[in-house]
Amino acid sequence: MTTAVATHEDVDAYIAAAAPGRQEALRAIRRDCLDLLPGFTEEIRHGMPTYVRDGEPELSFASQKQHLSLYVQREDVLDRHRDELAHLDVGRSCIRYRRVEQIDHDLVRTMLTETATPRQA
């Protein structure tokens, strides 16, 4: 059995297709990405909004069936905040929020700012 992934032309369409109770949280995350990730391009990759620098995806977000996900590809950034995220379901690069109220937008903005900082050589 295969699962079809909904495809959207742009991030506006992606957010509009999300559950109404999640749309404002998605808009807030997007607004922060656009404000705090200068030099990144906004694309739809793998069916979700993705922020790309120099051809490499560094951050994505998604509205899944059971949760909202924030994918932080910079392992150093995510690792720095694991203690603050301990009450959530956190994977290698994914933070899963079962309820929009769990999103700490200040912490998300901090991680975005750190993601925008070039990696140390």
Protein backbone atom coordinates (compact mmCIF):
# COMPACT_ATOMS: atom_id res chain seq x y z
CA MET A 1 0.00 0.00 0.00
CA THR A 2 1.37 3.41 -0.92
CA THR A 3 0.52 6.72 0.68
CA ALA A 4 0.03 9.71 -1.57
CA VAL A 5 1.69 12.94 -0.48
CA ALA A 6 -0.33 16.04 -1.23
CA THR A 7 1.59 18.46 -3.38
CA HIS A 8 1.16 22.21 -3.28
CA GLU A 9 2.47 24.80 -5.68
CA ASP A 10 3.63 27.19 -2.98
CA VAL A 11 3.71 27.77 0.75
CA ASP A 12 0.49 29.82 0.72
CA ALA A 13 -1.36 26.84 -0.78
CA TYR A 14 0.29 24.49 1.71
CA ILE A 15 -0.88 26.54 4.69
CA ALA A 16 -4.36 27.03 3.22
CA ALA A 17 -4.72 23.24 2.93
CA ALA A 18 -3.78 22.65 6.58
CA ALA A 19 -6.36 22.16 9.33
CA PRO A 20 -7.86 25.53 10.33
CA GLY A 21 -6.58 25.20 13.91
CA ARG A 22 -3.01 24.93 12.65
CA GLN A 23 -2.93 27.64 10.00
CA GLU A 24 -2.03 30.54 12.30
CA ALA A 25 0.85 28.58 13.86
CA LEU A 26 2.12 27.68 10.38
CA ARG A 27 1.85 31.32 9.27
CA ALA A 28 3.82 32.42 12.36
CA ILE A 29 6.59 29.89 11.69
CA ARG A 30 6.72 30.96 8.04
CA ARG A 31 6.84 34.65 8.96
CA ASP A 32 9.73 33.96 11.33
CA CYS A 33 11.56 31.93 8.66
CA LEU A 34 11.20 34.74 6.13
CA ASP A 35 12.35 37.33 8.68
CA LEU A 36 15.21 35.40 10.26
CA LEU A 37 16.68 33.35 7.42
CA PRO A 38 18.13 36.01 5.08
CA GLY A 39 19.73 34.59 1.96
CA PHE A 40 17.59 31.44 2.09
CA THR A 41 15.07 30.57 -0.61
CA GLU A 42 11.61 29.30 0.25
CA GLU A 43 10.63 26.17 -1.68
CA ILE A 44 8.32 23.21 -1.48
CA ARG A 45 10.48 20.10 -1.15
CA HIS A 46 9.25 16.64 -0.26
CA GLY A 47 5.77 18.13 -0.02
CA MET A 48 6.58 20.68 2.70
CA PRO A 49 7.83 24.26 3.03
CA THR A 50 11.63 24.20 3.05
CA TYR A 51 14.24 26.90 3.49
CA VAL A 52 17.32 26.36 1.35
CA ARG A 53 20.77 27.98 1.42
CA ASP A 54 23.36 27.29 -1.28
CA GLY A 55 21.22 24.45 -2.62
CA GLU A 56 21.02 22.69 0.76
CA PRO A 57 17.77 22.40 2.75
CA GLU A 58 18.39 23.62 6.29
CA LEU A 59 14.90 23.94 7.77
CA SER A 60 11.41 22.68 6.94
CA PHE A 61 8.03 22.54 8.61
CA ALA A 62 5.03 20.32 8.06
CA SER A 63 1.48 19.76 9.18
CA GLN A 64 1.24 15.99 9.70
CA LYS A 65 -1.81 13.95 10.60
CA GLN A 66 -1.05 13.84 14.33
CA HIS A 67 1.34 16.77 14.82
CA LEU A 68 3.19 19.77 13.43
CA SER A 69 6.83 19.12 12.65
CA LEU A 70 9.82 21.42 12.52
CA TYR A 71 12.84 19.91 10.78
CA VAL A 72 16.11 21.52 11.85
CA GLN A 73 18.86 20.09 9.66
CA ARG A 74 21.64 21.82 11.58
CA GLU A 75 22.44 19.14 14.16
CA ASP A 76 24.50 21.61 16.21
CA VAL A 77 21.50 23.93 16.52
CA LEU A 78 19.06 21.21 17.56
CA ASP A 79 21.53 19.62 19.98
CA ARG A 80 22.08 22.96 21.73
CA HIS A 81 18.37 23.06 22.66
CA ARG A 82 17.55 19.43 23.44
CA ASP A 83 17.09 20.14 27.16
CA GLU A 84 14.55 22.88 26.40
CA LEU A 85 12.75 20.48 24.03
CA ALA A 86 12.84 17.46 26.37
CA HIS A 87 9.07 17.57 26.97
CA LEU A 88 8.44 17.09 23.22
CA ASP A 89 8.94 14.22 20.80
CA VAL A 90 12.31 15.08 19.25
CA GLY A 91 14.14 12.95 16.71
CA ARG A 92 17.50 13.37 15.02
CA SER A 93 16.36 16.46 13.12
CA CYS A 94 12.63 16.70 13.84
CA ILE A 95 10.63 18.38 16.59
CA ARG A 96 7.03 17.13 16.79
CA TYR A 97 4.35 19.31 18.35
CA ARG A 98 1.12 17.41 19.07
CA ARG A 99 -0.67 20.66 19.95
CA VAL A 100 0.01 24.14 18.58
CA GLU A 101 0.11 25.42 22.17
CA GLN A 102 3.34 23.45 22.66
CA ILE A 103 5.22 25.63 20.17
CA ASP A 104 7.59 27.99 21.97
CA HIS A 105 7.89 30.65 19.28
CA ASP A 106 10.74 32.41 21.11
CA LEU A 107 12.75 29.18 21.06
CA VAL A 108 11.87 28.60 17.39
CA ARG A 109 13.12 32.11 16.59
CA THR A 110 16.34 31.42 18.50
CA MET A 111 16.91 28.24 16.49
CA LEU A 112 16.18 30.09 13.24
CA THR A 113 18.70 32.79 14.14
CA GLU A 114 21.30 30.11 14.91
CA THR A 115 20.48 28.32 11.65
CA ALA A 116 21.10 31.56 9.74
CA THR A 117 24.59 31.84 11.26
CA PRO A 118 27.15 30.15 8.99
CA ARG A 119 28.59 26.89 10.27
CA GLN A 120 31.98 27.00 11.91
CA ALA A 121 34.72 25.48 9.74
